[in-house]
């Protein structure tokens, strides 16, 4: 019988399988797509995410990131990471590196999809296989989360993300967050001649229409578009719990607030390690508390920023406040990083 069956071969799913294998468990990943898989993603890893990749033995090339910079029409504020650098890395490059490491340690990847689950006191059956544990790492709109009755309704305004890359030399070693009246644009250098620009908003408009709201940024993007536009959303997803019998949720499937603070991949990698640690200890029920502890700062600070963003009056004050209170801004960035 398989020890850990993982539904979904994205970063969180592969990280879970690698950690499980390194812990002496047999791990199998079920994934319908071939690697590497692209996805609408800001592509900036926090220093904790970089450290989490190192702990997995994953080697990945990217652009070193020194911190976070907020920009609007009149102000700018930046905060350097105090403990290590972040990393701007193409989603496909990250996925390929994780898939390579998974193959190195002996993780088996099976082409398929988990669309049904049967479990009893000792095992779980899915995708024609039997395992001691099933990990749902099947993404933002996790079918398994809904199938298990763990989906919770979301009352907040729906937000969406769009991303495209441009062939232009990076002009910064920071992740730049450009703020406009109804959207944010995230600039992440990911290579010597490649910059990713992701736009987040609650308004359903085309990528170019959104980008027109950032004239200063648009003027910098004088190189050709290198990729097509990819989208994701609604971003806010809530889960009733992260554990349902012998099924555990990780990554975006475990719940997602927003890409506003750019921690999704880093949190997924850290949660994967915590999940496997709970299984090794024979205490799967402890994973819920571990996930809540890991994500607490992210949930509090991202929630506060979203609340400010929803009100036009307070939204206009976010960047000026960060500019006038640099110590507070730096502390906030490093609490997240």
C-alpha atoms as a PDB file:
ATOM      1  CA  UNK A   1       0.000   0.000   0.000  1.00  0.00           C
ATOM      2  CA  UNK A   2       1.261   3.485  -0.887  1.00  0.00           C
ATOM      3  CA  UNK A   3       2.062   5.708   2.067  1.00  0.00           C
ATOM      4  CA  UNK A   4       1.169   9.091   0.548  1.00  0.00           C
ATOM      5  CA  UNK A   5      -0.865   9.612  -2.615  1.00  0.00           C
ATOM      6  CA  UNK A   6      -0.774  13.207  -3.841  1.00  0.00           C
ATOM      7  CA  UNK A   7      -3.505  14.619  -6.084  1.00  0.00           C
ATOM      8  CA  UNK A   8      -1.839  17.400  -8.064  1.00  0.00           C
ATOM      9  CA  UNK A   9       1.727  17.838  -9.230  1.00  0.00           C
ATOM     10  CA  UNK A  10       2.188  21.592  -8.776  1.00  0.00           C
ATOM     11  CA  UNK A  11       4.828  23.053  -6.414  1.00  0.00           C
ATOM     12  CA  UNK A  12       2.941  22.171  -3.201  1.00  0.00           C
ATOM     13  CA  UNK A  13       2.127  18.642  -4.379  1.00  0.00           C
ATOM     14  CA  UNK A  14       5.658  17.889  -5.557  1.00  0.00           C
ATOM     15  CA  UNK A  15       7.137  19.383  -2.376  1.00  0.00           C
ATOM     16  CA  UNK A  16       4.870  17.138  -0.282  1.00  0.00           C
ATOM     17  CA  UNK A  17       5.926  14.060  -2.254  1.00  0.00           C
ATOM     18  CA  UNK A  18       9.634  14.951  -1.988  1.00  0.00           C
ATOM     19  CA  UNK A  19       9.420  15.542   1.777  1.00  0.00           C
ATOM     20  CA  UNK A  20       7.525  12.267   2.220  1.00  0.00           C
ATOM     21  CA  UNK A  21      10.103  10.328   0.198  1.00  0.00           C
ATOM     22  CA  UNK A  22      13.003  11.876   2.093  1.00  0.00           C
ATOM     23  CA  UNK A  23      11.204  10.811   5.294  1.00  0.00           C
ATOM     24  CA  UNK A  24      11.204   7.185   4.130  1.00  0.00           C
ATOM     25  CA  UNK A  25       7.634   7.019   2.812  1.00  0.00           C
ATOM     26  CA  UNK A  26       6.486   5.869  -0.595  1.00  0.00           C
ATOM     27  CA  UNK A  27       4.887   8.802  -2.414  1.00  0.00           C
ATOM     28  CA  UNK A  28       2.966   8.794  -5.696  1.00  0.00           C
ATOM     29  CA  UNK A  29       1.756  11.933  -7.482  1.00  0.00           C
ATOM     30  CA  UNK A  30      -1.288  11.907  -9.760  1.00  0.00           C
ATOM     31  CA  UNK A  31      -1.217  14.768 -12.275  1.00  0.00           C
ATOM     32  CA  UNK A  32      -3.127  15.145 -15.565  1.00  0.00           C
ATOM     33  CA  UNK A  33      -0.627  17.542 -17.189  1.00  0.00           C
ATOM     34  CA  UNK A  34       2.945  17.021 -18.326  1.00  0.00           C
ATOM     35  CA  UNK A  35       5.731  19.057 -16.718  1.00  0.00           C
ATOM     36  CA  UNK A  36       6.533  21.886 -16.698  1.00  0.00           C
ATOM     37  CA  UNK A  37       3.136  23.446 -16.027  1.00  0.00           C
ATOM     38  CA  UNK A  38       2.656  27.189 -16.437  1.00  0.00           C
ATOM     39  CA  UNK A  39       0.190  29.166 -14.352  1.00  0.00           C
ATOM     40  CA  UNK A  40      -0.759  32.794 -13.724  1.00  0.00           C
ATOM     41  CA  UNK A  41       1.587  33.591 -10.851  1.00  0.00           C
ATOM     42  CA  UNK A  42       3.526  36.603  -9.592  1.00  0.00           C
ATOM     43  CA  UNK A  43       6.666  34.412  -9.629  1.00  0.00           C
ATOM     44  CA  UNK A  44       8.381  36.104  -6.687  1.00  0.00           C
ATOM     45  CA  UNK A  45       9.529  33.791  -3.903  1.00  0.00           C
ATOM     46  CA  UNK A  46       9.973  35.191  -0.408  1.00  0.00           C
ATOM     47  CA  UNK A  47      13.233  34.326   1.428  1.00  0.00           C
ATOM     48  CA  UNK A  48      11.343  31.632   3.372  1.00  0.00           C
ATOM     49  CA  UNK A  49      10.365  30.032   0.061  1.00  0.00           C
ATOM     50  CA  UNK A  50      13.965  30.095  -1.148  1.00  0.00           C
ATOM     51  CA  UNK A  51      15.064  28.419   2.099  1.00  0.00           C
ATOM     52  CA  UNK A  52      12.279  25.845   1.738  1.00  0.00           C
ATOM     53  CA  UNK A  53      13.530  24.933  -1.735  1.00  0.00           C
ATOM     54  CA  UNK A  54      17.064  24.503  -0.380  1.00  0.00           C
ATOM     55  CA  UNK A  55      15.762  22.158   2.322  1.00  0.00           C
ATOM     56  CA  UNK A  56      14.253  20.020  -0.451  1.00  0.00           C
ATOM     57  CA  UNK A  57      17.536  19.931  -2.355  1.00  0.00           C
ATOM     58  CA  UNK A  58      15.982  21.851  -5.256  1.00  0.00           C
ATOM     59  CA  UNK A  59      18.342  23.860  -7.459  1.00  0.00           C
ATOM     60  CA  UNK A  60      16.666  26.597  -9.459  1.00  0.00           C
ATOM     61  CA  UNK A  61      17.933  29.597 -11.438  1.00  0.00           C
ATOM     62  CA  UNK A  62      16.271  32.983 -11.120  1.00  0.00           C
ATOM     63  CA  UNK A  63      16.732  36.674 -10.355  1.00  0.00           C
ATOM     64  CA  UNK A  64      17.784  37.596  -6.785  1.00  0.00           C
ATOM     65  CA  UNK A  65      15.229  39.830  -5.080  1.00  0.00           C
ATOM     66  CA  UNK A  66      16.314  42.253  -2.371  1.00  0.00           C
ATOM     67  CA  UNK A  67      12.893  43.300  -1.066  1.00  0.00           C
ATOM     68  CA  UNK A  68       9.515  44.868  -1.835  1.00  0.00           C
ATOM     69  CA  UNK A  69       8.805  48.325  -3.260  1.00  0.00           C
ATOM     70  CA  UNK A  70       5.399  50.078  -3.298  1.00  0.00           C
ATOM     71  CA  UNK A  71       4.819  52.739  -5.965  1.00  0.00           C
ATOM     72  CA  UNK A  72       1.995  55.129  -6.853  1.00  0.00           C
ATOM     73  CA  UNK A  73       1.901  58.326  -8.927  1.00  0.00           C
ATOM     74  CA  UNK A  74       3.573  60.445  -6.262  1.00  0.00           C
ATOM     75  CA  UNK A  75       5.237  58.190  -3.695  1.00  0.00           C
ATOM     76  CA  UNK A  76       7.415  55.168  -3.322  1.00  0.00           C
ATOM     77  CA  UNK A  77       8.449  53.075  -0.350  1.00  0.00           C
ATOM     78  CA  UNK A  78      10.773  50.109  -0.226  1.00  0.00           C
ATOM     79  CA  UNK A  79      11.767  47.560   2.361  1.00  0.00           C
ATOM     80  CA  UNK A  80      14.757  45.245   2.099  1.00  0.00           C
ATOM     81  CA  UNK A  81      14.588  41.656   3.259  1.00  0.00           C
ATOM     82  CA  UNK A  82      16.588  41.328   6.446  1.00  0.00           C
ATOM     83  CA  UNK A  83      17.245  37.592   6.325  1.00  0.00           C
ATOM     84  CA  UNK A  84      18.314  36.347   2.930  1.00  0.00           C
ATOM     85  CA  UNK A  85      17.180  37.164  -0.571  1.00  0.00           C
ATOM     86  CA  UNK A  86      14.018  36.320  -2.399  1.00  0.00           C
ATOM     87  CA  UNK A  87      13.988  34.916  -5.914  1.00  0.00           C
ATOM     88  CA  UNK A  88      12.171  35.866  -9.096  1.00  0.00           C
ATOM     89  CA  UNK A  89      11.717  32.656 -11.063  1.00  0.00           C
ATOM     90  CA  UNK A  90       9.547  31.637 -13.985  1.00  0.00           C
ATOM     91  CA  UNK A  91       6.766  29.307 -12.887  1.00  0.00           C
ATOM     92  CA  UNK A  92       7.793  26.778 -15.547  1.00  0.00           C
ATOM     93  CA  UNK A  93      11.415  26.877 -14.346  1.00  0.00           C
ATOM     94  CA  UNK A  94      10.333  26.315 -10.739  1.00  0.00           C
ATOM     95  CA  UNK A  95       8.045  23.455 -11.707  1.00  0.00           C
ATOM     96  CA  UNK A  96      10.731  21.794 -13.845  1.00  0.00           C
ATOM     97  CA  UNK A  97      13.252  21.996 -10.977  1.00  0.00           C
ATOM     98  CA  UNK A  98      10.792  20.457  -8.505  1.00  0.00           C
ATOM     99  CA  UNK A  99       9.875  17.711 -10.989  1.00  0.00           C
ATOM    100  CA  UNK A 100      13.561  16.944 -11.550  1.00  0.00           C
ATOM    101  CA  UNK A 101      14.203  16.700  -7.814  1.00  0.00           C
ATOM    102  CA  UNK A 102      11.135  14.501  -7.345  1.00  0.00           C
ATOM    103  CA  UNK A 103      12.454  12.116 -10.000  1.00  0.00           C
ATOM    104  CA  UNK A 104      15.919  12.119  -8.336  1.00  0.00           C
ATOM    105  CA  UNK A 105      14.549  10.965  -4.986  1.00  0.00           C
ATOM    106  CA  UNK A 106      12.235   8.357  -6.507  1.00  0.00           C
ATOM    107  CA  UNK A 107       8.801   9.964  -6.507  1.00  0.00           C
ATOM    108  CA  UNK A 108       6.516   8.227  -8.994  1.00  0.00           C
ATOM    109  CA  UNK A 109       4.325  10.517 -11.110  1.00  0.00           C
ATOM    110  CA  UNK A 110       1.249   8.970 -12.705  1.00  0.00           C
ATOM    111  CA  UNK A 111      -0.722  10.681 -15.472  1.00  0.00           C
ATOM    112  CA  UNK A 112      -4.327  10.926 -14.365  1.00  0.00           C
ATOM    113  CA  UNK A 113      -6.835  12.775 -12.250  1.00  0.00           C
ATOM    114  CA  UNK A 114      -8.325  12.153  -8.805  1.00  0.00           C
ATOM    115  CA  UNK A 115     -12.065  12.702  -9.192  1.00  0.00           C
ATOM    116  CA  UNK A 116     -13.370  10.434  -6.455  1.00  0.00           C
ATOM    117  CA  UNK A 117     -12.345   9.324  -2.971  1.00  0.00           C
ATOM    118  CA  UNK A 118     -13.272   6.381  -0.755  1.00  0.00           C
ATOM    119  CA  UNK A 119     -11.808   6.099   2.695  1.00  0.00           C
ATOM    120  CA  UNK A 120     -12.103   3.967   5.802  1.00  0.00           C
ATOM    121  CA  UNK A 121     -10.330   3.884   9.146  1.00  0.00           C
ATOM    122  CA  UNK A 122      -7.089   2.526   7.686  1.00  0.00           C
ATOM    123  CA  UNK A 123      -6.774   3.688   4.082  1.00  0.00           C
ATOM    124  CA  UNK A 124      -8.064   5.804   1.228  1.00  0.00           C
ATOM    125  CA  UNK A 125      -8.738   4.788  -2.383  1.00  0.00           C
ATOM    126  CA  UNK A 126      -8.422   7.202  -5.293  1.00  0.00           C
ATOM    127  CA  UNK A 127      -7.394   7.017  -8.978  1.00  0.00           C
ATOM    128  CA  UNK A 128      -7.378   3.240  -8.774  1.00  0.00           C
ATOM    129  CA  UNK A 129      -4.785   3.196  -5.988  1.00  0.00           C
ATOM    130  CA  UNK A 130      -4.859   2.545  -2.259  1.00  0.00           C
ATOM    131  CA  UNK A 131      -2.862   4.626   0.183  1.00  0.00           C
ATOM    132  CA  UNK A 132      -2.573   5.373   3.855  1.00  0.00           C
ATOM    133  CA  UNK A 133      -3.039   9.085   3.194  1.00  0.00           C
ATOM    134  CA  UNK A 134      -4.285  11.245   0.338  1.00  0.00           C
ATOM    135  CA  UNK A 135      -2.997  14.805  -0.023  1.00  0.00           C
ATOM    136  CA  UNK A 136      -5.194  17.175  -2.043  1.00  0.00           C
ATOM    137  CA  UNK A 137      -2.854  19.572  -3.826  1.00  0.00           C
ATOM    138  CA  UNK A 138      -5.225  20.159  -6.725  1.00  0.00           C
ATOM    139  CA  UNK A 139      -5.097  23.931  -6.841  1.00  0.00           C
ATOM    140  CA  UNK A 140      -7.061  27.095  -6.227  1.00  0.00           C
ATOM    141  CA  UNK A 141     -10.417  25.663  -7.304  1.00  0.00           C
ATOM    142  CA  UNK A 142      -9.745  22.254  -5.758  1.00  0.00           C
ATOM    143  CA  UNK A 143     -12.355  19.681  -6.848  1.00  0.00           C
ATOM    144  CA  UNK A 144     -11.407  17.522  -3.851  1.00  0.00           C
ATOM    145  CA  UNK A 145     -12.083  20.371  -1.426  1.00  0.00           C
ATOM    146  CA  UNK A 146     -15.632  20.564  -2.774  1.00  0.00           C
ATOM    147  CA  UNK A 147     -16.056  16.793  -2.968  1.00  0.00           C
ATOM    148  CA  UNK A 148     -15.161  16.445   0.715  1.00  0.00           C
ATOM    149  CA  UNK A 149     -17.617  19.146   1.756  1.00  0.00           C
ATOM    150  CA  UNK A 150     -14.838  21.478   2.897  1.00  0.00           C
ATOM    151  CA  UNK A 151     -15.737  24.399   0.609  1.00  0.00           C
ATOM    152  CA  UNK A 152     -16.960  27.571   2.339  1.00  0.00           C
ATOM    153  CA  UNK A 153     -18.730  30.432   0.558  1.00  0.00           C
ATOM    154  CA  UNK A 154     -16.864  33.693   0.094  1.00  0.00           C
ATOM    155  CA  UNK A 155     -18.663  36.979   0.673  1.00  0.00           C
ATOM    156  CA  UNK A 156     -15.775  39.313  -0.212  1.00  0.00           C
ATOM    157  CA  UNK A 157     -15.498  40.991  -3.607  1.00  0.00           C
ATOM    158  CA  UNK A 158     -14.062  38.633  -6.195  1.00  0.00           C
ATOM    159  CA  UNK A 159     -10.550  39.451  -7.347  1.00  0.00           C
ATOM    160  CA  UNK A 160      -8.717  38.131 -10.375  1.00  0.00           C
ATOM    161  CA  UNK A 161      -5.124  38.002 -11.576  1.00  0.00           C
ATOM    162  CA  UNK A 162      -3.647  38.368 -15.076  1.00  0.00           C
ATOM    163  CA  UNK A 163       0.031  37.930 -15.963  1.00  0.00           C
ATOM    164  CA  UNK A 164       2.285  38.455 -18.987  1.00  0.00           C
ATOM    165  CA  UNK A 165       6.066  38.642 -19.514  1.00  0.00           C
ATOM    166  CA  UNK A 166       8.058  41.254 -21.418  1.00  0.00           C
ATOM    167  CA  UNK A 167      11.478  41.008 -23.031  1.00  0.00           C
ATOM    168  CA  UNK A 168      13.096  43.912 -21.249  1.00  0.00           C
ATOM    169  CA  UNK A 169      16.084  44.210 -18.924  1.00  0.00           C
ATOM    170  CA  UNK A 170      15.001  44.410 -15.264  1.00  0.00           C
ATOM    171  CA  UNK A 171      15.317  47.926 -13.867  1.00  0.00           C
ATOM    172  CA  UNK A 172      15.062  46.806 -10.240  1.00  0.00           C
ATOM    173  CA  UNK A 173      16.106  44.054  -7.839  1.00  0.00           C
ATOM    174  CA  UNK A 174      12.875  44.553  -5.881  1.00  0.00           C
ATOM    175  CA  UNK A 175       9.392  43.249  -6.475  1.00  0.00           C
ATOM    176  CA  UNK A 176       7.555  46.434  -7.422  1.00  0.00           C
ATOM    177  CA  UNK A 177       3.898  46.786  -6.515  1.00  0.00           C
ATOM    178  CA  UNK A 178       2.320  49.635  -8.479  1.00  0.00           C
ATOM    179  CA  UNK A 179      -0.938  50.913  -7.009  1.00  0.00           C
ATOM    180  CA  UNK A 180      -3.734  52.508  -9.022  1.00  0.00           C
ATOM    181  CA  UNK A 181      -7.332  53.362  -8.171  1.00  0.00           C
ATOM    182  CA  UNK A 182      -8.772  49.942  -8.967  1.00  0.00           C
ATOM    183  CA  UNK A 183      -5.850  47.575  -9.458  1.00  0.00           C
ATOM    184  CA  UNK A 184      -2.298  46.656  -8.485  1.00  0.00           C
ATOM    185  CA  UNK A 185       0.461  45.704 -10.912  1.00  0.00           C
ATOM    186  CA  UNK A 186       3.276  43.445  -9.705  1.00  0.00           C
ATOM    187  CA  UNK A 187       6.629  43.647 -11.458  1.00  0.00           C
ATOM    188  CA  UNK A 188       8.938  40.687 -10.891  1.00  0.00           C
ATOM    189  CA  UNK A 189      12.277  40.351 -12.691  1.00  0.00           C
ATOM    190  CA  UNK A 190      12.792  36.680 -13.552  1.00  0.00           C
ATOM    191  CA  UNK A 191      15.803  36.782 -15.903  1.00  0.00           C
ATOM    192  CA  UNK A 192      18.412  39.022 -17.512  1.00  0.00           C
ATOM    193  CA  UNK A 193      16.006  40.066 -20.263  1.00  0.00           C
ATOM    194  CA  UNK A 194      12.657  39.008 -18.835  1.00  0.00           C
ATOM    195  CA  UNK A 195      10.208  40.743 -16.512  1.00  0.00           C
ATOM    196  CA  UNK A 196       6.836  39.435 -15.387  1.00  0.00           C
ATOM    197  CA  UNK A 197       3.960  41.844 -14.824  1.00  0.00           C
ATOM    198  CA  UNK A 198       0.865  40.595 -13.001  1.00  0.00           C
ATOM    199  CA  UNK A 199      -2.269  42.700 -12.511  1.00  0.00           C
ATOM    200  CA  UNK A 200      -4.751  42.108  -9.667  1.00  0.00           C
ATOM    201  CA  UNK A 201      -8.206  43.650  -9.590  1.00  0.00           C
ATOM    202  CA  UNK A 202     -11.847  43.027  -8.789  1.00  0.00           C
ATOM    203  CA  UNK A 203     -12.827  44.498 -12.163  1.00  0.00           C
ATOM    204  CA  UNK A 204     -13.164  42.133 -15.126  1.00  0.00           C
ATOM    205  CA  UNK A 205     -11.226  43.949 -17.841  1.00  0.00           C
ATOM    206  CA  UNK A 206      -8.611  42.943 -20.397  1.00  0.00           C
ATOM    207  CA  UNK A 207      -4.940  42.901 -19.426  1.00  0.00           C
ATOM    208  CA  UNK A 208      -4.141  45.858 -21.706  1.00  0.00           C
ATOM    209  CA  UNK A 209      -7.040  47.870 -20.290  1.00  0.00           C
ATOM    210  CA  UNK A 210      -5.737  47.290 -16.779  1.00  0.00           C
ATOM    211  CA  UNK A 211      -2.156  48.121 -17.741  1.00  0.00           C
ATOM    212  CA  UNK A 212      -3.263  51.436 -19.235  1.00  0.00           C
ATOM    213  CA  UNK A 213      -3.994  52.538 -15.667  1.00  0.00           C
ATOM    214  CA  UNK A 214      -0.232  52.443 -14.931  1.00  0.00           C
ATOM    215  CA  UNK A 215       1.277  54.893 -17.478  1.00  0.00           C
ATOM    216  CA  UNK A 216       4.686  55.143 -15.787  1.00  0.00           C
ATOM    217  CA  UNK A 217       5.027  51.366 -15.696  1.00  0.00           C
ATOM    218  CA  UNK A 218       3.749  51.017 -19.248  1.00  0.00           C
ATOM    219  CA  UNK A 219       6.473  53.401 -20.448  1.00  0.00           C
ATOM    220  CA  UNK A 220       9.125  51.044 -19.074  1.00  0.00           C
ATOM    221  CA  UNK A 221       7.764  48.021 -20.925  1.00  0.00           C
ATOM    222  CA  UNK A 222       9.366  48.953 -24.246  1.00  0.00           C
ATOM    223  CA  UNK A 223      10.252  45.373 -25.126  1.00  0.00           C
ATOM    224  CA  UNK A 224       7.908  42.937 -26.867  1.00  0.00           C
ATOM    225  CA  UNK A 225       5.530  40.699 -24.954  1.00  0.00           C
ATOM    226  CA  UNK A 226       7.266  37.354 -24.425  1.00  0.00           C
ATOM    227  CA  UNK A 227       4.264  35.303 -23.310  1.00  0.00           C
ATOM    228  CA  UNK A 228       0.525  35.321 -23.729  1.00  0.00           C
ATOM    229  CA  UNK A 229      -1.753  36.530 -20.951  1.00  0.00           C
ATOM    230  CA  UNK A 230      -2.679  33.963 -18.306  1.00  0.00           C
ATOM    231  CA  UNK A 231      -5.401  34.484 -15.750  1.00  0.00           C
ATOM    232  CA  UNK A 232      -6.561  33.093 -12.403  1.00  0.00           C
ATOM    233  CA  UNK A 233      -9.506  33.694 -10.102  1.00  0.00           C
ATOM    234  CA  UNK A 234     -11.576  34.298  -8.213  1.00  0.00           C
ATOM    235  CA  UNK A 235      -8.597  34.365  -5.872  1.00  0.00           C
ATOM    236  CA  UNK A 236     -10.298  34.177  -2.465  1.00  0.00           C
ATOM    237  CA  UNK A 237     -11.005  30.553  -1.527  1.00  0.00           C
ATOM    238  CA  UNK A 238     -12.040  29.324   1.909  1.00  0.00           C
ATOM    239  CA  UNK A 239     -11.861  25.847   3.405  1.00  0.00           C
ATOM    240  CA  UNK A 240     -13.749  24.595   6.443  1.00  0.00           C
ATOM    241  CA  UNK A 241     -10.732  22.532   7.516  1.00  0.00           C
ATOM    242  CA  UNK A 242      -7.452  21.161   6.170  1.00  0.00           C
ATOM    243  CA  UNK A 243      -8.021  17.584   7.376  1.00  0.00           C
ATOM    244  CA  UNK A 244     -10.941  15.280   6.513  1.00  0.00           C
ATOM    245  CA  UNK A 245     -10.299  11.773   7.756  1.00  0.00           C
ATOM    246  CA  UNK A 246      -7.304  10.479   5.806  1.00  0.00           C
ATOM    247  CA  UNK A 247      -7.310  13.369   3.334  1.00  0.00           C
ATOM    248  CA  UNK A 248      -5.208  16.494   3.953  1.00  0.00           C
ATOM    249  CA  UNK A 249      -5.231  19.739   1.941  1.00  0.00           C
ATOM    250  CA  UNK A 250      -2.082  21.648   0.982  1.00  0.00           C
ATOM    251  CA  UNK A 251      -1.168  24.609  -1.190  1.00  0.00           C
ATOM    252  CA  UNK A 252      -3.939  26.696  -2.710  1.00  0.00           C
ATOM    253  CA  UNK A 253      -6.382  23.830  -2.118  1.00  0.00           C
ATOM    254  CA  UNK A 254      -6.043  24.440   1.636  1.00  0.00           C
ATOM    255  CA  UNK A 255      -7.453  27.956   1.254  1.00  0.00           C
ATOM    256  CA  UNK A 256      -6.243  31.154  -0.350  1.00  0.00           C
ATOM    257  CA  UNK A 257      -6.690  34.818   0.506  1.00  0.00           C
ATOM    258  CA  UNK A 258      -5.101  36.877  -2.233  1.00  0.00           C
ATOM    259  CA  UNK A 259      -1.883  37.365  -4.196  1.00  0.00           C
ATOM    260  CA  UNK A 260      -1.545  40.862  -2.705  1.00  0.00           C
ATOM    261  CA  UNK A 261       1.446  39.958  -0.523  1.00  0.00           C
ATOM    262  CA  UNK A 262       2.939  37.351  -2.878  1.00  0.00           C
ATOM    263  CA  UNK A 263       3.376  34.462  -0.458  1.00  0.00           C
ATOM    264  CA  UNK A 264       1.344  31.676  -2.066  1.00  0.00           C
ATOM    265  CA  UNK A 265       4.171  29.419  -3.251  1.00  0.00           C
ATOM    266  CA  UNK A 266       6.298  29.989  -0.145  1.00  0.00           C
ATOM    267  CA  UNK A 267       3.395  29.101   2.143  1.00  0.00           C
ATOM    268  CA  UNK A 268       2.647  26.014   0.077  1.00  0.00           C
ATOM    269  CA  UNK A 269       6.241  24.794   0.393  1.00  0.00           C
ATOM    270  CA  UNK A 270       6.294  25.384   4.154  1.00  0.00           C
ATOM    271  CA  UNK A 271       2.907  23.715   4.639  1.00  0.00           C
ATOM    272  CA  UNK A 272       4.095  20.669   2.678  1.00  0.00           C
ATOM    273  CA  UNK A 273       6.946  20.178   5.137  1.00  0.00           C
ATOM    274  CA  UNK A 274       4.609  20.633   8.123  1.00  0.00           C
ATOM    275  CA  UNK A 275       2.093  18.164   6.694  1.00  0.00           C
ATOM    276  CA  UNK A 276       4.674  15.425   6.243  1.00  0.00           C
ATOM    277  CA  UNK A 277       6.047  16.108   9.710  1.00  0.00           C
ATOM    278  CA  UNK A 278       2.580  15.540  11.188  1.00  0.00           C
ATOM    279  CA  UNK A 279       2.199  12.265   9.267  1.00  0.00           C
ATOM    280  CA  UNK A 280       5.628  11.069  10.422  1.00  0.00           C
ATOM    281  CA  UNK A 281       4.686  11.834  14.007  1.00  0.00           C
ATOM    282  CA  UNK A 282       1.454   9.860  13.643  1.00  0.00           C
ATOM    283  CA  UNK A 283      -0.564  13.004  14.377  1.00  0.00           C
ATOM    284  CA  UNK A 284      -2.307  14.063  11.154  1.00  0.00           C
ATOM    285  CA  UNK A 285      -4.862  16.032  13.155  1.00  0.00           C
ATOM    286  CA  UNK A 286      -2.028  18.382  14.232  1.00  0.00           C
ATOM    287  CA  UNK A 287      -1.669  19.610  10.663  1.00  0.00           C
ATOM    288  CA  UNK A 288      -4.704  21.901  10.971  1.00  0.00           C
ATOM    289  CA  UNK A 289      -3.082  23.786  13.835  1.00  0.00           C
ATOM    290  CA  UNK A 290       0.301  23.823  12.060  1.00  0.00           C
ATOM    291  CA  UNK A 291      -1.262  25.287   8.905  1.00  0.00           C
ATOM    292  CA  UNK A 292      -3.063  27.975  10.887  1.00  0.00           C
ATOM    293  CA  UNK A 293       0.148  28.899  12.681  1.00  0.00           C
ATOM    294  CA  UNK A 294       2.161  29.070   9.441  1.00  0.00           C
ATOM    295  CA  UNK A 295      -0.431  31.193   7.652  1.00  0.00           C
ATOM    296  CA  UNK A 296      -1.462  33.445  10.542  1.00  0.00           C
ATOM    297  CA  UNK A 297       0.630  36.511   9.686  1.00  0.00           C
ATOM    298  CA  UNK A 298      -0.250  36.174   6.022  1.00  0.00           C
ATOM    299  CA  UNK A 299      -3.968  35.979   6.770  1.00  0.00           C
ATOM    300  CA  UNK A 300      -3.923  38.929   9.182  1.00  0.00           C
ATOM    301  CA  UNK A 301      -1.764  41.290   7.137  1.00  0.00           C
ATOM    302  CA  UNK A 302      -3.226  40.389   3.749  1.00  0.00           C
ATOM    303  CA  UNK A 303      -6.709  40.712   5.197  1.00  0.00           C
ATOM    304  CA  UNK A 304      -5.885  44.178   6.549  1.00  0.00           C
ATOM    305  CA  UNK A 305      -4.498  45.323   3.193  1.00  0.00           C
ATOM    306  CA  UNK A 306      -7.535  43.981   1.354  1.00  0.00           C
ATOM    307  CA  UNK A 307      -9.856  45.780   3.763  1.00  0.00           C
ATOM    308  CA  UNK A 308      -7.983  49.028   3.098  1.00  0.00           C
ATOM    309  CA  UNK A 309      -8.013  48.401  -0.653  1.00  0.00           C
ATOM    310  CA  UNK A 310     -11.804  47.975  -0.726  1.00  0.00           C
ATOM    311  CA  UNK A 311     -12.370  51.574   0.476  1.00  0.00           C
ATOM    312  CA  UNK A 312     -11.283  54.257  -1.982  1.00  0.00           C
ATOM    313  CA  UNK A 313     -10.323  56.656   0.802  1.00  0.00           C
ATOM    314  CA  UNK A 314      -8.035  54.257   2.618  1.00  0.00           C
ATOM    315  CA  UNK A 315      -6.731  52.707  -0.637  1.00  0.00           C
ATOM    316  CA  UNK A 316      -5.228  56.076  -1.628  1.00  0.00           C
ATOM    317  CA  UNK A 317      -3.322  56.191   1.664  1.00  0.00           C
ATOM    318  CA  UNK A 318      -1.542  52.808   1.461  1.00  0.00           C
ATOM    319  CA  UNK A 319       1.586  53.899  -0.424  1.00  0.00           C
ATOM    320  CA  UNK A 320       1.832  57.358   1.244  1.00  0.00           C
ATOM    321  CA  UNK A 321       1.606  55.657   4.652  1.00  0.00           C
ATOM    322  CA  UNK A 322       4.354  53.187   3.705  1.00  0.00           C
ATOM    323  CA  UNK A 323       6.463  56.136   2.475  1.00  0.00           C
ATOM    324  CA  UNK A 324       5.988  58.148   5.674  1.00  0.00           C
ATOM    325  CA  UNK A 325       6.426  55.196   8.035  1.00  0.00           C
ATOM    326  CA  UNK A 326       9.388  53.277   6.574  1.00  0.00           C
ATOM    327  CA  UNK A 327      10.140  51.403   9.790  1.00  0.00           C
ATOM    328  CA  UNK A 328       6.572  50.095   9.983  1.00  0.00           C
ATOM    329  CA  UNK A 329       6.608  49.135   6.293  1.00  0.00           C
ATOM    330  CA  UNK A 330       9.934  47.323   6.673  1.00  0.00           C
ATOM    331  CA  UNK A 331       8.693  45.464   9.753  1.00  0.00           C
ATOM    332  CA  UNK A 332       5.517  44.422   7.936  1.00  0.00           C
ATOM    333  CA  UNK A 333       7.391  43.161   4.856  1.00  0.00           C
ATOM    334  CA  UNK A 334       9.799  41.162   6.985  1.00  0.00           C
ATOM    335  CA  UNK A 335       7.016  39.736   9.121  1.00  0.00           C
ATOM    336  CA  UNK A 336       5.640  38.287   5.899  1.00  0.00           C
ATOM    337  CA  UNK A 337       9.045  37.370   4.472  1.00  0.00           C
END
